[in-house]
């Protein structure tokens, strides 16, 4: 997989990751954002933090699409949609 990350040199701001994916997208958004909510956390503690942030965002109008649980290689993340239907992940 090909990717490139842009980071705030001071370490304060968020990291933006650009990643090429093999499949084409058939809906409108061409940019998929991962919102980092569980930085430095693993396992159940990470998932609980992501679920809490998911609940906060759902109350603001976002939609919970699916929860992808840790599989031994990747940590848990939650796929969501904003109010216009654009996907993003809590990671």
PDB file of N, CA and C in Angstrom:
ATOM      1  N   UNK A   1       0.838  -1.172   0.000  1.00  0.00           N
ATOM      2  CA  UNK A   1       0.000   0.000   0.000  1.00  0.00           C
ATOM      3  C   UNK A   1       0.890   1.244   0.000  1.00  0.00           C
ATOM      4  N   UNK A   2       0.519   2.219  -0.777  1.00  0.00           N
ATOM      5  CA  UNK A   2       1.279   3.455  -0.881  1.00  0.00           C
ATOM      6  C   UNK A   2       0.625   4.510   0.004  1.00  0.00           C
ATOM      7  N   UNK A   3       1.431   5.179   0.826  1.00  0.00           N
ATOM      8  CA  UNK A   3       0.884   6.240   1.654  1.00  0.00           C
ATOM      9  C   UNK A   3       1.939   7.302   1.927  1.00  0.00           C
ATOM     10  N   UNK A   4       1.474   8.459   2.349  1.00  0.00           N
ATOM     11  CA  UNK A   4       2.334   9.575   2.717  1.00  0.00           C
ATOM     12  C   UNK A   4       1.679  10.291   3.885  1.00  0.00           C
ATOM     13  N   UNK A   5       2.440  10.625   4.904  1.00  0.00           N
ATOM     14  CA  UNK A   5       1.902  11.314   6.069  1.00  0.00           C
ATOM     15  C   UNK A   5       2.496  12.708   6.193  1.00  0.00           C
ATOM     16  N   UNK A   6       1.658  13.655   6.552  1.00  0.00           N
ATOM     17  CA  UNK A   6       2.091  15.020   6.874  1.00  0.00           C
ATOM     18  C   UNK A   6       1.849  15.223   8.363  1.00  0.00           C
ATOM     19  N   UNK A   7       2.882  15.652   9.064  1.00  0.00           N
ATOM     20  CA  UNK A   7       2.773  15.860  10.507  1.00  0.00           C
ATOM     21  C   UNK A   7       3.167  17.276  10.881  1.00  0.00           C
ATOM     22  N   UNK A   8       2.559  17.772  11.921  1.00  0.00           N
ATOM     23  CA  UNK A   8       2.922  19.064  12.488  1.00  0.00           C
ATOM     24  C   UNK A   8       4.309  18.916  13.106  1.00  0.00           C
ATOM     25  N   UNK A   9       5.295  19.710  12.659  1.00  0.00           N
ATOM     26  CA  UNK A   9       6.655  19.578  13.201  1.00  0.00           C
ATOM     27  C   UNK A   9       6.728  19.759  14.715  1.00  0.00           C
ATOM     28  N   UNK A  10       5.800  20.535  15.286  1.00  0.00           N
ATOM     29  CA  UNK A  10       5.817  20.743  16.734  1.00  0.00           C
ATOM     30  C   UNK A  10       5.200  19.558  17.479  1.00  0.00           C
ATOM     31  N   UNK A  11       4.500  18.678  16.748  1.00  0.00           N
ATOM     32  CA  UNK A  11       3.858  17.527  17.380  1.00  0.00           C
ATOM     33  C   UNK A  11       2.536  17.842  18.036  1.00  0.00           C
ATOM     34  N   UNK A  12       2.074  19.078  17.936  1.00  0.00           N
ATOM     35  CA  UNK A  12       0.833  19.492  18.588  1.00  0.00           C
ATOM     36  C   UNK A  12      -0.379  19.205  17.702  1.00  0.00           C
ATOM     37  N   UNK A  13      -0.280  19.526  16.431  1.00  0.00           N
ATOM     38  CA  UNK A  13      -1.402  19.367  15.513  1.00  0.00           C
ATOM     39  C   UNK A  13      -1.566  17.933  15.047  1.00  0.00           C
ATOM     40  N   UNK A  14      -2.645  17.687  14.326  1.00  0.00           N
ATOM     41  CA  UNK A  14      -2.930  16.318  13.869  1.00  0.00           C
ATOM     42  C   UNK A  14      -2.033  15.895  12.710  1.00  0.00           C
ATOM     43  N   UNK A  15      -1.925  14.594  12.518  1.00  0.00           N
ATOM     44  CA  UNK A  15      -1.239  14.022  11.368  1.00  0.00           C
ATOM     45  C   UNK A  15      -2.282  13.776  10.283  1.00  0.00           C
ATOM     46  N   UNK A  16      -1.937  14.047   9.037  1.00  0.00           N
ATOM     47  CA  UNK A  16      -2.817  13.759   7.906  1.00  0.00           C
ATOM     48  C   UNK A  16      -2.132  12.682   7.068  1.00  0.00           C
ATOM     49  N   UNK A  17      -2.826  11.571   6.838  1.00  0.00           N
ATOM     50  CA  UNK A  17      -2.266  10.446   6.097  1.00  0.00           C
ATOM     51  C   UNK A  17      -2.995  10.319   4.768  1.00  0.00           C
ATOM     52  N   UNK A  18      -2.246  10.313   3.680  1.00  0.00           N
ATOM     53  CA  UNK A  18      -2.789  10.106   2.345  1.00  0.00           C
ATOM     54  C   UNK A  18      -2.417   8.691   1.925  1.00  0.00           C
ATOM     55  N   UNK A  19      -3.416   7.886   1.572  1.00  0.00           N
ATOM     56  CA  UNK A  19      -3.172   6.481   1.274  1.00  0.00           C
ATOM     57  C   UNK A  19      -3.904   6.090  -0.003  1.00  0.00           C
ATOM     58  N   UNK A  20      -3.166   5.490  -0.950  1.00  0.00           N
ATOM     59  CA  UNK A  20      -3.771   4.997  -2.174  1.00  0.00           C
ATOM     60  C   UNK A  20      -4.392   3.621  -1.880  1.00  0.00           C
ATOM     61  N   UNK A  21      -5.608   3.418  -2.353  1.00  0.00           N
ATOM     62  CA  UNK A  21      -6.281   2.139  -2.151  1.00  0.00           C
ATOM     63  C   UNK A  21      -6.608   1.524  -3.507  1.00  0.00           C
ATOM     64  N   UNK A  22      -6.671   0.199  -3.576  1.00  0.00           N
ATOM     65  CA  UNK A  22      -6.870  -0.450  -4.869  1.00  0.00           C
ATOM     66  C   UNK A  22      -8.286  -0.333  -5.434  1.00  0.00           C
ATOM     67  N   UNK A  23      -9.278  -0.247  -4.573  1.00  0.00           N
ATOM     68  CA  UNK A  23     -10.655  -0.232  -5.063  1.00  0.00           C
ATOM     69  C   UNK A  23     -11.097   1.182  -5.410  1.00  0.00           C
ATOM     70  N   UNK A  24     -11.980   1.267  -6.385  1.00  0.00           N
ATOM     71  CA  UNK A  24     -12.556   2.550  -6.758  1.00  0.00           C
ATOM     72  C   UNK A  24     -13.679   2.923  -5.813  1.00  0.00           C
ATOM     73  N   UNK A  25     -13.961   4.174  -5.707  1.00  0.00           N
ATOM     74  CA  UNK A  25     -15.045   4.661  -4.851  1.00  0.00           C
ATOM     75  C   UNK A  25     -16.215   5.029  -5.741  1.00  0.00           C
ATOM     76  N   UNK A  26     -17.410   4.583  -5.372  1.00  0.00           N
ATOM     77  CA  UNK A  26     -18.578   4.840  -6.213  1.00  0.00           C
ATOM     78  C   UNK A  26     -19.502   5.906  -5.631  1.00  0.00           C
ATOM     79  N   UNK A  27     -19.179   6.410  -4.463  1.00  0.00           N
ATOM     80  CA  UNK A  27     -19.961   7.507  -3.885  1.00  0.00           C
ATOM     81  C   UNK A  27     -19.143   8.788  -3.955  1.00  0.00           C
ATOM     82  N   UNK A  28     -19.719   9.889  -3.522  1.00  0.00           N
ATOM     83  CA  UNK A  28     -19.164  11.200  -3.815  1.00  0.00           C
ATOM     84  C   UNK A  28     -17.806  11.548  -3.201  1.00  0.00           C
ATOM     85  N   UNK A  29     -17.512  11.129  -1.980  1.00  0.00           N
ATOM     86  CA  UNK A  29     -16.269  11.624  -1.384  1.00  0.00           C
ATOM     87  C   UNK A  29     -15.045  10.873  -1.915  1.00  0.00           C
ATOM     88  N   UNK A  30     -13.989  11.599  -2.142  1.00  0.00           N
ATOM     89  CA  UNK A  30     -12.740  11.024  -2.624  1.00  0.00           C
ATOM     90  C   UNK A  30     -11.651  11.139  -1.565  1.00  0.00           C
ATOM     91  N   UNK A  31     -11.998  11.602  -0.412  1.00  0.00           N
ATOM     92  CA  UNK A  31     -11.058  11.774   0.681  1.00  0.00           C
ATOM     93  C   UNK A  31     -11.636  11.079   1.906  1.00  0.00           C
ATOM     94  N   UNK A  32     -10.846  10.242   2.526  1.00  0.00           N
ATOM     95  CA  UNK A  32     -11.282   9.516   3.721  1.00  0.00           C
ATOM     96  C   UNK A  32     -10.367   9.926   4.863  1.00  0.00           C
ATOM     97  N   UNK A  33     -10.937  10.496   5.904  1.00  0.00           N
ATOM     98  CA  UNK A  33     -10.155  10.938   7.046  1.00  0.00           C
ATOM     99  C   UNK A  33     -10.214   9.931   8.183  1.00  0.00           C
ATOM    100  N   UNK A  34      -9.089   9.709   8.830  1.00  0.00           N
ATOM    101  CA  UNK A  34      -9.033   8.959  10.079  1.00  0.00           C
ATOM    102  C   UNK A  34      -8.834   9.977  11.189  1.00  0.00           C
ATOM    103  N   UNK A  35      -9.763  10.027  12.122  1.00  0.00           N
ATOM    104  CA  UNK A  35      -9.686  10.941  13.256  1.00  0.00           C
ATOM    105  C   UNK A  35      -9.090  10.157  14.420  1.00  0.00           C
ATOM    106  N   UNK A  36      -7.949  10.585  14.894  1.00  0.00           N
ATOM    107  CA  UNK A  36      -7.238   9.847  15.932  1.00  0.00           C
ATOM    108  C   UNK A  36      -7.795  10.204  17.300  1.00  0.00           C
ATOM    109  N   UNK A  37      -8.505   9.279  17.883  1.00  0.00           N
ATOM    110  CA  UNK A  37      -9.117   9.496  19.191  1.00  0.00           C
ATOM    111  C   UNK A  37      -8.511   8.599  20.264  1.00  0.00           C
ATOM    112  N   UNK A  38      -7.844   7.525  19.874  1.00  0.00           N
ATOM    113  CA  UNK A  38      -7.304   6.571  20.843  1.00  0.00           C
ATOM    114  C   UNK A  38      -5.794   6.521  20.851  1.00  0.00           C
ATOM    115  N   UNK A  39      -5.160   7.669  20.709  1.00  0.00           N
ATOM    116  CA  UNK A  39      -3.699   7.737  20.607  1.00  0.00           C
ATOM    117  C   UNK A  39      -3.040   7.125  21.843  1.00  0.00           C
ATOM    118  N   UNK A  40      -2.147   6.181  21.597  1.00  0.00           N
ATOM    119  CA  UNK A  40      -1.380   5.567  22.684  1.00  0.00           C
ATOM    120  C   UNK A  40      -2.122   4.491  23.452  1.00  0.00           C
ATOM    121  N   UNK A  41      -3.380   4.245  23.106  1.00  0.00           N
ATOM    122  CA  UNK A  41      -4.177   3.241  23.812  1.00  0.00           C
ATOM    123  C   UNK A  41      -4.263   1.963  22.984  1.00  0.00           C
ATOM    124  N   UNK A  42      -4.433   0.845  23.652  1.00  0.00           N
ATOM    125  CA  UNK A  42      -4.579  -0.449  22.976  1.00  0.00           C
ATOM    126  C   UNK A  42      -5.704  -1.244  23.626  1.00  0.00           C
ATOM    127  N   UNK A  43      -6.152  -2.255  22.913  1.00  0.00           N
ATOM    128  CA  UNK A  43      -7.124  -3.190  23.456  1.00  0.00           C
ATOM    129  C   UNK A  43      -8.441  -2.557  23.848  1.00  0.00           C
ATOM    130  N   UNK A  44      -8.994  -3.030  24.959  1.00  0.00           N
ATOM    131  CA  UNK A  44     -10.308  -2.582  25.421  1.00  0.00           C
ATOM    132  C   UNK A  44     -10.328  -1.114  25.823  1.00  0.00           C
ATOM    133  N   UNK A  45      -9.213  -0.625  26.353  1.00  0.00           N
ATOM    134  CA  UNK A  45      -9.140   0.795  26.732  1.00  0.00           C
ATOM    135  C   UNK A  45      -9.278   1.674  25.484  1.00  0.00           C
ATOM    136  N   UNK A  46      -8.617   1.287  24.398  1.00  0.00           N
ATOM    137  CA  UNK A  46      -8.716   2.022  23.134  1.00  0.00           C
ATOM    138  C   UNK A  46     -10.142   1.975  22.606  1.00  0.00           C
ATOM    139  N   UNK A  47     -10.733   0.770  22.574  1.00  0.00           N
ATOM    140  CA  UNK A  47     -12.086   0.613  22.056  1.00  0.00           C
ATOM    141  C   UNK A  47     -13.086   1.432  22.862  1.00  0.00           C
ATOM    142  N   UNK A  48     -12.953   1.454  24.179  1.00  0.00           N
ATOM    143  CA  UNK A  48     -13.856   2.251  25.025  1.00  0.00           C
ATOM    144  C   UNK A  48     -13.736   3.738  24.702  1.00  0.00           C
ATOM    145  N   UNK A  49     -12.520   4.215  24.461  1.00  0.00           N
ATOM    146  CA  UNK A  49     -12.307   5.622  24.105  1.00  0.00           C
ATOM    147  C   UNK A  49     -12.944   5.935  22.756  1.00  0.00           C
ATOM    148  N   UNK A  50     -12.745   5.040  21.780  1.00  0.00           N
ATOM    149  CA  UNK A  50     -13.343   5.234  20.455  1.00  0.00           C
ATOM    150  C   UNK A  50     -14.865   5.219  20.535  1.00  0.00           C
ATOM    151  N   UNK A  51     -15.431   4.300  21.323  1.00  0.00           N
ATOM    152  CA  UNK A  51     -16.890   4.221  21.455  1.00  0.00           C
ATOM    153  C   UNK A  51     -17.456   5.480  22.115  1.00  0.00           C
ATOM    154  N   UNK A  52     -16.744   6.027  23.085  1.00  0.00           N
ATOM    155  CA  UNK A  52     -17.204   7.263  23.739  1.00  0.00           C
ATOM    156  C   UNK A  52     -17.213   8.411  22.733  1.00  0.00           C
ATOM    157  N   UNK A  53     -16.164   8.512  21.924  1.00  0.00           N
ATOM    158  CA  UNK A  53     -16.105   9.568  20.911  1.00  0.00           C
ATOM    159  C   UNK A  53     -17.169   9.340  19.843  1.00  0.00           C
ATOM    160  N   UNK A  54     -17.420   8.091  19.492  1.00  0.00           N
ATOM    161  CA  UNK A  54     -18.478   7.752  18.545  1.00  0.00           C
ATOM    162  C   UNK A  54     -19.823   8.245  19.068  1.00  0.00           C
ATOM    163  N   UNK A  55     -20.111   8.000  20.314  1.00  0.00           N
ATOM    164  CA  UNK A  55     -21.363   8.451  20.920  1.00  0.00           C
ATOM    165  C   UNK A  55     -21.505   9.966  20.878  1.00  0.00           C
ATOM    166  N   UNK A  56     -20.412  10.666  21.140  1.00  0.00           N
ATOM    167  CA  UNK A  56     -20.430  12.132  21.094  1.00  0.00           C
ATOM    168  C   UNK A  56     -20.729  12.615  19.678  1.00  0.00           C
ATOM    169  N   UNK A  57     -20.101  11.984  18.681  1.00  0.00           N
ATOM    170  CA  UNK A  57     -20.298  12.396  17.293  1.00  0.00           C
ATOM    171  C   UNK A  57     -21.688  12.026  16.769  1.00  0.00           C
ATOM    172  N   UNK A  58     -22.216  10.887  17.200  1.00  0.00           N
ATOM    173  CA  UNK A  58     -23.585  10.502  16.810  1.00  0.00           C
ATOM    174  C   UNK A  58     -24.578  11.539  17.334  1.00  0.00           C
ATOM    175  N   UNK A  59     -24.367  12.011  18.547  1.00  0.00           N
ATOM    176  CA  UNK A  59     -25.246  13.041  19.115  1.00  0.00           C
ATOM    177  C   UNK A  59     -25.194  14.342  18.316  1.00  0.00           C
ATOM    178  N   UNK A  60     -24.093  14.545  17.582  1.00  0.00           N
ATOM    179  CA  UNK A  60     -23.939  15.741  16.753  1.00  0.00           C
ATOM    180  C   UNK A  60     -24.419  15.530  15.313  1.00  0.00           C
ATOM    181  N   UNK A  61     -24.879  14.308  14.994  1.00  0.00           N
ATOM    182  CA  UNK A  61     -25.430  14.052  13.667  1.00  0.00           C
ATOM    183  C   UNK A  61     -24.681  13.049  12.814  1.00  0.00           C
ATOM    184  N   UNK A  62     -23.531  12.558  13.272  1.00  0.00           N
ATOM    185  CA  UNK A  62     -22.790  11.544  12.518  1.00  0.00           C
ATOM    186  C   UNK A  62     -23.513  10.197  12.634  1.00  0.00           C
ATOM    187  N   UNK A  63     -23.135   9.261  11.773  1.00  0.00           N
ATOM    188  CA  UNK A  63     -23.742   7.927  11.765  1.00  0.00           C
ATOM    189  C   UNK A  63     -22.659   6.874  12.011  1.00  0.00           C
ATOM    190  N   UNK A  64     -22.929   5.966  12.937  1.00  0.00           N
ATOM    191  CA  UNK A  64     -22.026   4.838  13.185  1.00  0.00           C
ATOM    192  C   UNK A  64     -22.287   3.800  12.096  1.00  0.00           C
ATOM    193  N   UNK A  65     -21.266   3.470  11.297  1.00  0.00           N
ATOM    194  CA  UNK A  65     -21.413   2.499  10.207  1.00  0.00           C
ATOM    195  C   UNK A  65     -21.059   1.099  10.693  1.00  0.00           C
ATOM    196  N   UNK A  66     -19.862   0.942  11.250  1.00  0.00           N
ATOM    197  CA  UNK A  66     -19.453  -0.362  11.786  1.00  0.00           C
ATOM    198  C   UNK A  66     -18.236  -0.195  12.688  1.00  0.00           C
ATOM    199  N   UNK A  67     -18.096  -1.128  13.599  1.00  0.00           N
ATOM    200  CA  UNK A  67     -16.929  -1.180  14.470  1.00  0.00           C
ATOM    201  C   UNK A  67     -16.048  -2.322  13.993  1.00  0.00           C
ATOM    202  N   UNK A  68     -14.790  -2.021  13.761  1.00  0.00           N
ATOM    203  CA  UNK A  68     -13.822  -3.034  13.345  1.00  0.00           C
ATOM    204  C   UNK A  68     -12.921  -3.309  14.541  1.00  0.00           C
ATOM    205  N   UNK A  69     -13.094  -4.500  15.123  1.00  0.00           N
ATOM    206  CA  UNK A  69     -12.350  -4.852  16.330  1.00  0.00           C
ATOM    207  C   UNK A  69     -10.923  -5.273  15.994  1.00  0.00           C
ATOM    208  N   UNK A  70     -10.029  -5.101  16.952  1.00  0.00           N
ATOM    209  CA  UNK A  70      -8.631  -5.494  16.792  1.00  0.00           C
ATOM    210  C   UNK A  70      -8.557  -6.954  16.366  1.00  0.00           C
ATOM    211  N   UNK A  71      -7.619  -7.245  15.462  1.00  0.00           N
ATOM    212  CA  UNK A  71      -7.513  -8.603  14.936  1.00  0.00           C
ATOM    213  C   UNK A  71      -6.135  -9.223  15.118  1.00  0.00           C
ATOM    214  N   UNK A  72      -5.315  -8.662  15.978  1.00  0.00           N
ATOM    215  CA  UNK A  72      -3.966  -9.171  16.187  1.00  0.00           C
ATOM    216  C   UNK A  72      -2.941  -8.454  15.331  1.00  0.00           C
ATOM    217  N   UNK A  73      -3.382  -7.897  14.206  1.00  0.00           N
ATOM    218  CA  UNK A  73      -2.485  -7.123  13.339  1.00  0.00           C
ATOM    219  C   UNK A  73      -2.834  -5.637  13.380  1.00  0.00           C
ATOM    220  N   UNK A  74      -4.124  -5.337  13.375  1.00  0.00           N
ATOM    221  CA  UNK A  74      -4.608  -3.955  13.389  1.00  0.00           C
ATOM    222  C   UNK A  74      -5.393  -3.690  14.659  1.00  0.00           C
ATOM    223  N   UNK A  75      -5.276  -2.479  15.175  1.00  0.00           N
ATOM    224  CA  UNK A  75      -6.056  -2.074  16.337  1.00  0.00           C
ATOM    225  C   UNK A  75      -7.495  -1.770  15.906  1.00  0.00           C
ATOM    226  N   UNK A  76      -8.377  -1.661  16.872  1.00  0.00           N
ATOM    227  CA  UNK A  76      -9.784  -1.353  16.605  1.00  0.00           C
ATOM    228  C   UNK A  76      -9.928   0.031  15.991  1.00  0.00           C
ATOM    229  N   UNK A  77     -10.966   0.175  15.169  1.00  0.00           N
ATOM    230  CA  UNK A  77     -11.353   1.489  14.653  1.00  0.00           C
ATOM    231  C   UNK A  77     -12.862   1.466  14.417  1.00  0.00           C
ATOM    232  N   UNK A  78     -13.453   2.626  14.275  1.00  0.00           N
ATOM    233  CA  UNK A  78     -14.890   2.738  14.048  1.00  0.00           C
ATOM    234  C   UNK A  78     -15.114   3.542  12.777  1.00  0.00           C
ATOM    235  N   UNK A  79     -15.822   2.948  11.821  1.00  0.00           N
ATOM    236  CA  UNK A  79     -16.153   3.627  10.570  1.00  0.00           C
ATOM    237  C   UNK A  79     -17.445   4.404  10.796  1.00  0.00           C
ATOM    238  N   UNK A  80     -17.430   5.683  10.376  1.00  0.00           N
ATOM    239  CA  UNK A  80     -18.577   6.560  10.581  1.00  0.00           C
ATOM    240  C   UNK A  80     -18.857   7.332   9.301  1.00  0.00           C
ATOM    241  N   UNK A  81     -19.971   8.047   9.288  1.00  0.00           N
ATOM    242  CA  UNK A  81     -20.301   8.968   8.202  1.00  0.00           C
ATOM    243  C   UNK A  81     -20.680  10.308   8.801  1.00  0.00           C
ATOM    244  N   UNK A  82     -20.248  11.382   8.116  1.00  0.00           N
ATOM    245  CA  UNK A  82     -20.661  12.705   8.561  1.00  0.00           C
ATOM    246  C   UNK A  82     -22.099  12.965   8.088  1.00  0.00           C
ATOM    247  N   UNK A  83     -22.615  14.138   8.360  1.00  0.00           N
ATOM    248  CA  UNK A  83     -24.018  14.443   8.045  1.00  0.00           C
ATOM    249  C   UNK A  83     -24.301  14.447   6.546  1.00  0.00           C
ATOM    250  N   UNK A  84     -23.260  14.524   5.701  1.00  0.00           N
ATOM    251  CA  UNK A  84     -23.445  14.481   4.255  1.00  0.00           C
ATOM    252  C   UNK A  84     -23.163  13.105   3.672  1.00  0.00           C
ATOM    253  N   UNK A  85     -22.866  12.122   4.532  1.00  0.00           N
ATOM    254  CA  UNK A  85     -22.629  10.761   4.080  1.00  0.00           C
ATOM    255  C   UNK A  85     -21.189  10.428   3.746  1.00  0.00           C
ATOM    256  N   UNK A  86     -20.255  11.336   4.003  1.00  0.00           N
ATOM    257  CA  UNK A  86     -18.842  11.077   3.765  1.00  0.00           C
ATOM    258  C   UNK A  86     -18.275  10.201   4.881  1.00  0.00           C
ATOM    259  N   UNK A  87     -17.538   9.165   4.505  1.00  0.00           N
ATOM    260  CA  UNK A  87     -16.975   8.259   5.500  1.00  0.00           C
ATOM    261  C   UNK A  87     -15.733   8.827   6.145  1.00  0.00           C
ATOM    262  N   UNK A  88     -15.547   8.467   7.413  1.00  0.00           N
ATOM    263  CA  UNK A  88     -14.307   8.725   8.139  1.00  0.00           C
ATOM    264  C   UNK A  88     -14.189   7.676   9.214  1.00  0.00           C
ATOM    265  N   UNK A  89     -13.010   7.510   9.754  1.00  0.00           N
ATOM    266  CA  UNK A  89     -12.781   6.514  10.794  1.00  0.00           C
ATOM    267  C   UNK A  89     -12.293   7.171  12.069  1.00  0.00           C
ATOM    268  N   UNK A  90     -12.768   6.655  13.192  1.00  0.00           N
ATOM    269  CA  UNK A  90     -12.167   6.978  14.486  1.00  0.00           C
ATOM    270  C   UNK A  90     -11.097   5.929  14.691  1.00  0.00           C
ATOM    271  N   UNK A  91      -9.867   6.371  14.853  1.00  0.00           N
ATOM    272  CA  UNK A  91      -8.760   5.430  14.955  1.00  0.00           C
ATOM    273  C   UNK A  91      -7.887   5.748  16.164  1.00  0.00           C
TER     274      UNK A  91
END
